[in-house]
Amino acid sequence: MVRSHKTRQVLLESRPAGSREQISEKTIAKIPMAAVLRAVAIGETRGFVKMLIDVESDRILGFTVFGMEASEMTAAVQTAMLGGLSYTVLRDAIFTHPTAAEGLGPLLATIPARALRQPA
């Protein structure tokens, strides 16, 4: 059986159109789909998961996933974005195993905590 991999993307526009205000510092978290346990379990490890995060506020600004069950992960992230939640809410959540959304934990564990990012 051949499955078609899907690409899903969610972006948050935080500035009014035409605004020239300074864009704050951002960080990108990215992992291969092979790091998502559900992908490994069903043998479909091709692809990646990527998230753009505002360093100052920890808000999720964008999310892209290319791989199996992309819509499942995207729905969880989009809900967090609409609620204005910090990425840490998803990082610390316990997702059902095995699901694609469970891959958000390993993705977001790659981002250092805010306390570690601040100068001493």
N, C-alpha and C. Protein backbone atom coordinates (compact mmCIF):
# COMPACT_ATOMS: atom_id res chain seq x y z
N MET A 1 0.84 -1.17 0.00
CA MET A 1 0.00 0.00 0.00
C MET A 1 0.89 1.25 0.00
N VAL A 2 0.57 2.21 -0.82
CA VAL A 2 1.30 3.45 -0.90
C VAL A 2 0.43 4.57 -0.35
N ARG A 3 0.97 5.31 0.59
CA ARG A 3 0.23 6.44 1.16
C ARG A 3 0.85 7.74 0.67
N SER A 4 0.01 8.70 0.47
CA SER A 4 0.49 10.02 0.05
C SER A 4 0.77 10.85 1.30
N HIS A 5 2.00 11.35 1.41
CA HIS A 5 2.32 12.21 2.54
C HIS A 5 1.72 13.58 2.33
N LYS A 6 1.26 14.16 3.38
CA LYS A 6 0.61 15.46 3.33
C LYS A 6 1.50 16.52 3.95
N THR A 7 1.37 17.72 3.47
CA THR A 7 2.05 18.86 4.06
C THR A 7 0.99 19.77 4.63
N ARG A 8 1.16 20.18 5.87
CA ARG A 8 0.25 21.11 6.52
C ARG A 8 1.08 22.24 7.11
N GLN A 9 0.52 23.44 7.05
CA GLN A 9 1.24 24.60 7.58
C GLN A 9 0.25 25.56 8.21
N VAL A 10 0.63 26.12 9.36
CA VAL A 10 -0.17 27.12 10.05
C VAL A 10 0.77 28.28 10.38
N LEU A 11 0.37 29.49 10.04
CA LEU A 11 1.18 30.67 10.34
C LEU A 11 0.34 31.69 11.08
N LEU A 12 0.97 32.42 11.98
CA LEU A 12 0.30 33.47 12.74
C LEU A 12 0.88 34.80 12.33
N GLU A 13 0.06 35.72 11.86
CA GLU A 13 0.52 37.06 11.50
C GLU A 13 0.27 37.95 12.70
N SER A 14 1.36 38.32 13.38
CA SER A 14 1.23 39.07 14.62
C SER A 14 1.32 40.58 14.42
N ARG A 15 1.66 41.03 13.21
CA ARG A 15 1.77 42.46 12.95
C ARG A 15 0.69 42.88 11.95
N PRO A 16 0.18 44.09 12.09
CA PRO A 16 -0.79 44.58 11.10
C PRO A 16 -0.13 44.65 9.73
N ALA A 17 -0.92 44.43 8.69
CA ALA A 17 -0.40 44.50 7.33
C ALA A 17 0.26 45.86 7.09
N GLY A 18 1.44 45.84 6.49
CA GLY A 18 2.15 47.07 6.18
C GLY A 18 2.96 47.62 7.35
N SER A 19 2.90 47.00 8.51
CA SER A 19 3.62 47.48 9.68
C SER A 19 5.11 47.30 9.49
N ARG A 20 5.88 48.25 10.00
CA ARG A 20 7.33 48.17 9.90
C ARG A 20 7.97 48.02 11.28
N GLU A 21 7.18 47.63 12.28
CA GLU A 21 7.73 47.48 13.62
C GLU A 21 8.78 46.37 13.64
N GLN A 22 9.71 46.46 14.60
CA GLN A 22 10.80 45.51 14.71
C GLN A 22 10.27 44.12 15.01
N ILE A 23 10.79 43.15 14.30
CA ILE A 23 10.43 41.76 14.53
C ILE A 23 11.35 41.24 15.63
N SER A 24 10.76 40.58 16.63
CA SER A 24 11.55 40.05 17.74
C SER A 24 12.34 38.81 17.32
N GLU A 25 13.25 38.40 18.17
CA GLU A 25 14.08 37.23 17.89
C GLU A 25 13.22 35.96 17.86
N LYS A 26 13.58 35.07 16.96
CA LYS A 26 12.83 33.83 16.80
C LYS A 26 13.76 32.63 16.86
N THR A 27 13.20 31.49 17.13
CA THR A 27 13.96 30.25 17.09
C THR A 27 13.13 29.21 16.34
N ILE A 28 13.82 28.26 15.74
CA ILE A 28 13.15 27.21 14.98
C ILE A 28 13.50 25.86 15.60
N ALA A 29 12.48 25.07 15.84
CA ALA A 29 12.66 23.69 16.29
C ALA A 29 12.35 22.80 15.09
N LYS A 30 13.19 21.81 14.85
CA LYS A 30 12.95 20.91 13.71
C LYS A 30 13.46 19.52 14.05
N ILE A 31 12.64 18.52 13.73
CA ILE A 31 13.05 17.13 13.90
C ILE A 31 12.60 16.34 12.67
N PRO A 32 13.29 15.24 12.38
CA PRO A 32 12.83 14.37 11.30
C PRO A 32 11.61 13.57 11.77
N MET A 33 10.78 13.17 10.85
CA MET A 33 9.60 12.37 11.19
C MET A 33 10.02 11.06 11.86
N ALA A 34 11.25 10.61 11.64
CA ALA A 34 11.75 9.39 12.27
C ALA A 34 11.83 9.52 13.79
N ALA A 35 11.75 10.74 14.33
CA ALA A 35 11.75 10.96 15.77
C ALA A 35 10.34 10.89 16.37
N VAL A 36 9.33 10.73 15.53
CA VAL A 36 7.94 10.64 15.98
C VAL A 36 7.58 9.17 16.12
N LEU A 37 7.26 8.74 17.34
CA LEU A 37 7.04 7.32 17.60
C LEU A 37 5.94 6.71 16.73
N ARG A 38 4.87 7.44 16.46
CA ARG A 38 3.79 6.93 15.62
C ARG A 38 4.31 6.63 14.21
N ALA A 39 5.14 7.51 13.68
CA ALA A 39 5.71 7.31 12.35
C ALA A 39 6.56 6.05 12.32
N VAL A 40 7.34 5.83 13.36
CA VAL A 40 8.17 4.63 13.45
C VAL A 40 7.28 3.39 13.55
N ALA A 41 6.23 3.48 14.36
CA ALA A 41 5.34 2.34 14.58
C ALA A 41 4.67 1.86 13.30
N ILE A 42 4.34 2.79 12.41
CA ILE A 42 3.66 2.38 11.16
C ILE A 42 4.62 2.34 9.96
N GLY A 43 5.90 2.60 10.22
CA GLY A 43 6.90 2.47 9.17
C GLY A 43 6.88 3.58 8.13
N GLU A 44 6.40 4.76 8.51
CA GLU A 44 6.36 5.89 7.58
C GLU A 44 7.15 7.06 8.15
N THR A 45 8.45 6.95 8.09
CA THR A 45 9.33 7.93 8.74
C THR A 45 9.83 9.03 7.82
N ARG A 46 9.33 9.09 6.61
CA ARG A 46 9.76 10.14 5.69
C ARG A 46 9.09 11.46 6.07
N GLY A 47 9.87 12.54 6.13
CA GLY A 47 9.30 13.86 6.40
C GLY A 47 9.96 14.56 7.57
N PHE A 48 9.34 15.65 8.01
CA PHE A 48 9.88 16.45 9.10
C PHE A 48 8.75 17.23 9.78
N VAL A 49 9.09 17.76 10.96
CA VAL A 49 8.19 18.63 11.73
C VAL A 49 9.01 19.85 12.12
N LYS A 50 8.43 21.04 11.93
CA LYS A 50 9.16 22.28 12.21
C LYS A 50 8.23 23.31 12.84
N MET A 51 8.73 24.05 13.84
CA MET A 51 7.94 25.08 14.49
C MET A 51 8.78 26.35 14.67
N LEU A 52 8.14 27.51 14.41
CA LEU A 52 8.76 28.82 14.59
C LEU A 52 8.20 29.43 15.87
N ILE A 53 9.11 29.85 16.77
CA ILE A 53 8.71 30.35 18.09
C ILE A 53 9.33 31.71 18.35
N ASP A 54 8.53 32.62 18.91
CA ASP A 54 9.02 33.93 19.34
C ASP A 54 9.78 33.74 20.65
N VAL A 55 11.05 34.11 20.69
CA VAL A 55 11.91 33.88 21.85
C VAL A 55 11.45 34.70 23.06
N GLU A 56 10.99 35.90 22.85
CA GLU A 56 10.61 36.76 23.97
C GLU A 56 9.33 36.30 24.66
N SER A 57 8.35 35.88 23.89
CA SER A 57 7.04 35.53 24.47
C SER A 57 6.79 34.02 24.54
N ASP A 58 7.62 33.22 23.88
CA ASP A 58 7.43 31.77 23.78
C ASP A 58 6.18 31.39 22.99
N ARG A 59 5.59 32.34 22.26
CA ARG A 59 4.41 32.04 21.44
C ARG A 59 4.81 31.32 20.16
N ILE A 60 3.92 30.47 19.70
CA ILE A 60 4.12 29.74 18.45
C ILE A 60 3.70 30.65 17.30
N LEU A 61 4.60 30.91 16.38
CA LEU A 61 4.30 31.80 15.25
C LEU A 61 4.01 31.03 13.97
N GLY A 62 4.54 29.83 13.86
CA GLY A 62 4.31 29.04 12.66
C GLY A 62 4.63 27.59 12.89
N PHE A 63 4.05 26.74 12.04
CA PHE A 63 4.22 25.30 12.18
C PHE A 63 4.09 24.65 10.82
N THR A 64 5.00 23.76 10.50
CA THR A 64 4.95 23.01 9.25
C THR A 64 5.24 21.55 9.56
N VAL A 65 4.47 20.68 8.94
CA VAL A 65 4.74 19.25 9.06
C VAL A 65 4.56 18.62 7.69
N PHE A 66 5.53 17.79 7.33
CA PHE A 66 5.44 17.01 6.10
C PHE A 66 5.61 15.56 6.51
N GLY A 67 4.55 14.80 6.37
CA GLY A 67 4.63 13.40 6.74
C GLY A 67 3.27 12.83 7.06
N MET A 68 3.30 11.62 7.58
CA MET A 68 2.07 10.90 7.87
C MET A 68 1.26 11.63 8.94
N GLU A 69 -0.05 11.54 8.83
CA GLU A 69 -0.99 12.10 9.81
C GLU A 69 -0.68 13.56 10.16
N ALA A 70 -0.29 14.34 9.17
CA ALA A 70 0.08 15.74 9.37
C ALA A 70 -1.06 16.55 9.97
N SER A 71 -2.28 16.25 9.56
CA SER A 71 -3.42 17.05 10.04
C SER A 71 -3.65 16.88 11.53
N GLU A 72 -3.33 15.72 12.09
CA GLU A 72 -3.52 15.51 13.52
C GLU A 72 -2.63 16.45 14.35
N MET A 73 -1.35 16.51 13.99
CA MET A 73 -0.43 17.39 14.69
C MET A 73 -0.80 18.85 14.49
N THR A 74 -1.16 19.18 13.26
CA THR A 74 -1.50 20.56 12.92
C THR A 74 -2.70 21.06 13.73
N ALA A 75 -3.69 20.21 13.92
CA ALA A 75 -4.87 20.61 14.69
C ALA A 75 -4.50 20.97 16.13
N ALA A 76 -3.62 20.20 16.75
CA ALA A 76 -3.20 20.49 18.12
C ALA A 76 -2.45 21.81 18.19
N VAL A 77 -1.55 22.03 17.24
CA VAL A 77 -0.75 23.26 17.25
C VAL A 77 -1.62 24.48 16.93
N GLN A 78 -2.52 24.34 15.97
CA GLN A 78 -3.39 25.46 15.62
C GLN A 78 -4.26 25.87 16.81
N THR A 79 -4.75 24.92 17.56
CA THR A 79 -5.56 25.22 18.74
C THR A 79 -4.73 26.01 19.76
N ALA A 80 -3.49 25.60 19.96
CA ALA A 80 -2.61 26.32 20.88
C ALA A 80 -2.33 27.73 20.38
N MET A 81 -2.12 27.88 19.08
CA MET A 81 -1.87 29.20 18.51
C MET A 81 -3.07 30.11 18.66
N LEU A 82 -4.25 29.60 18.38
CA LEU A 82 -5.47 30.40 18.50
C LEU A 82 -5.71 30.83 19.95
N GLY A 83 -5.31 29.99 20.88
CA GLY A 83 -5.46 30.31 22.30
C GLY A 83 -4.34 31.18 22.84
N GLY A 84 -3.35 31.51 22.00
CA GLY A 84 -2.23 32.34 22.45
C GLY A 84 -1.34 31.65 23.48
N LEU A 85 -1.32 30.32 23.45
CA LEU A 85 -0.55 29.57 24.44
C LEU A 85 0.93 29.54 24.10
N SER A 86 1.74 29.40 25.12
CA SER A 86 3.17 29.22 24.96
C SER A 86 3.44 27.83 24.40
N TYR A 87 4.54 27.69 23.68
CA TYR A 87 4.93 26.37 23.17
C TYR A 87 5.14 25.39 24.31
N THR A 88 5.44 25.90 25.51
CA THR A 88 5.72 25.02 26.65
C THR A 88 4.49 24.22 27.06
N VAL A 89 3.30 24.72 26.77
CA VAL A 89 2.08 23.97 27.08
C VAL A 89 2.06 22.67 26.28
N LEU A 90 2.40 22.75 25.00
CA LEU A 90 2.46 21.55 24.17
C LEU A 90 3.66 20.68 24.55
N ARG A 91 4.77 21.31 24.86
CA ARG A 91 5.98 20.56 25.23
C ARG A 91 5.73 19.69 26.47
N ASP A 92 4.99 20.25 27.43
CA ASP A 92 4.78 19.57 28.71
C ASP A 92 3.53 18.68 28.73
N ALA A 93 2.74 18.72 27.66
CA ALA A 93 1.51 17.92 27.62
C ALA A 93 1.82 16.44 27.46
N ILE A 94 0.91 15.62 27.94
CA ILE A 94 1.02 14.18 27.76
C ILE A 94 -0.01 13.79 26.71
N PHE A 95 0.46 13.37 25.55
CA PHE A 95 -0.43 12.99 24.45
C PHE A 95 -0.63 11.48 24.44
N THR A 96 -1.75 11.06 23.91
CA THR A 96 -2.06 9.64 23.78
C THR A 96 -0.99 8.95 22.94
N HIS A 97 -0.63 7.74 23.35
CA HIS A 97 0.37 6.95 22.62
C HIS A 97 -0.30 5.78 21.94
N PRO A 98 0.00 5.46 20.73
CA PRO A 98 0.87 6.19 19.80
C PRO A 98 0.05 7.08 18.88
N THR A 99 0.30 8.36 18.90
CA THR A 99 -0.33 9.30 17.98
C THR A 99 0.75 10.20 17.40
N ALA A 100 0.43 10.84 16.29
CA ALA A 100 1.38 11.77 15.67
C ALA A 100 1.61 12.97 16.59
N ALA A 101 0.56 13.42 17.28
CA ALA A 101 0.69 14.59 18.16
C ALA A 101 1.71 14.36 19.27
N GLU A 102 1.93 13.12 19.62
CA GLU A 102 2.92 12.78 20.63
C GLU A 102 4.32 13.25 20.20
N GLY A 103 4.53 13.44 18.91
CA GLY A 103 5.81 13.91 18.39
C GLY A 103 6.11 15.36 18.73
N LEU A 104 5.12 16.09 19.22
CA LEU A 104 5.37 17.49 19.59
C LEU A 104 6.32 17.58 20.79
N GLY A 105 6.28 16.60 21.67
CA GLY A 105 7.18 16.59 22.83
C GLY A 105 8.64 16.59 22.42
N PRO A 106 9.08 15.61 21.61
CA PRO A 106 10.48 15.60 21.17
C PRO A 106 10.86 16.85 20.35
N LEU A 107 9.93 17.34 19.55
CA LEU A 107 10.20 18.55 18.77
C LEU A 107 10.50 19.72 19.69
N LEU A 108 9.66 19.95 20.67
CA LEU A 108 9.78 21.13 21.53
C LEU A 108 10.81 20.96 22.63
N ALA A 109 11.23 19.74 22.89
CA ALA A 109 12.30 19.51 23.87
C ALA A 109 13.64 20.02 23.34
N THR A 110 13.73 20.29 22.04
CA THR A 110 14.98 20.79 21.46
C THR A 110 15.19 22.27 21.73
N ILE A 111 14.18 22.96 22.27
CA ILE A 111 14.28 24.40 22.53
C ILE A 111 14.68 24.62 23.98
N PRO A 112 15.75 25.37 24.25
CA PRO A 112 16.14 25.62 25.62
C PRO A 112 15.08 26.43 26.36
N ALA A 113 14.91 26.17 27.63
CA ALA A 113 13.97 26.92 28.47
C ALA A 113 14.36 28.39 28.48
N ARG A 114 13.39 29.26 28.68
CA ARG A 114 13.64 30.70 28.67
C ARG A 114 14.74 31.09 29.67
N ALA A 115 14.73 30.48 30.84
CA ALA A 115 15.74 30.80 31.86
C ALA A 115 17.14 30.51 31.35
N LEU A 116 17.29 29.50 30.51
CA LEU A 116 18.61 29.16 29.97
C LEU A 116 19.02 30.07 28.83
N ARG A 117 18.05 30.75 28.21
CA ARG A 117 18.34 31.63 27.07
C ARG A 117 18.73 33.03 27.54
N GLN A 118 18.40 33.38 28.78
CA GLN A 118 18.66 34.74 29.25
C GLN A 118 20.11 34.87 29.73
N PRO A 119 20.75 36.01 29.43
CA PRO A 119 22.13 36.19 29.87
C PRO A 119 22.22 36.28 31.38
N ALA A 120 23.32 35.82 31.92
CA ALA A 120 23.52 35.81 33.38
C ALA A 120 23.79 37.19 33.92
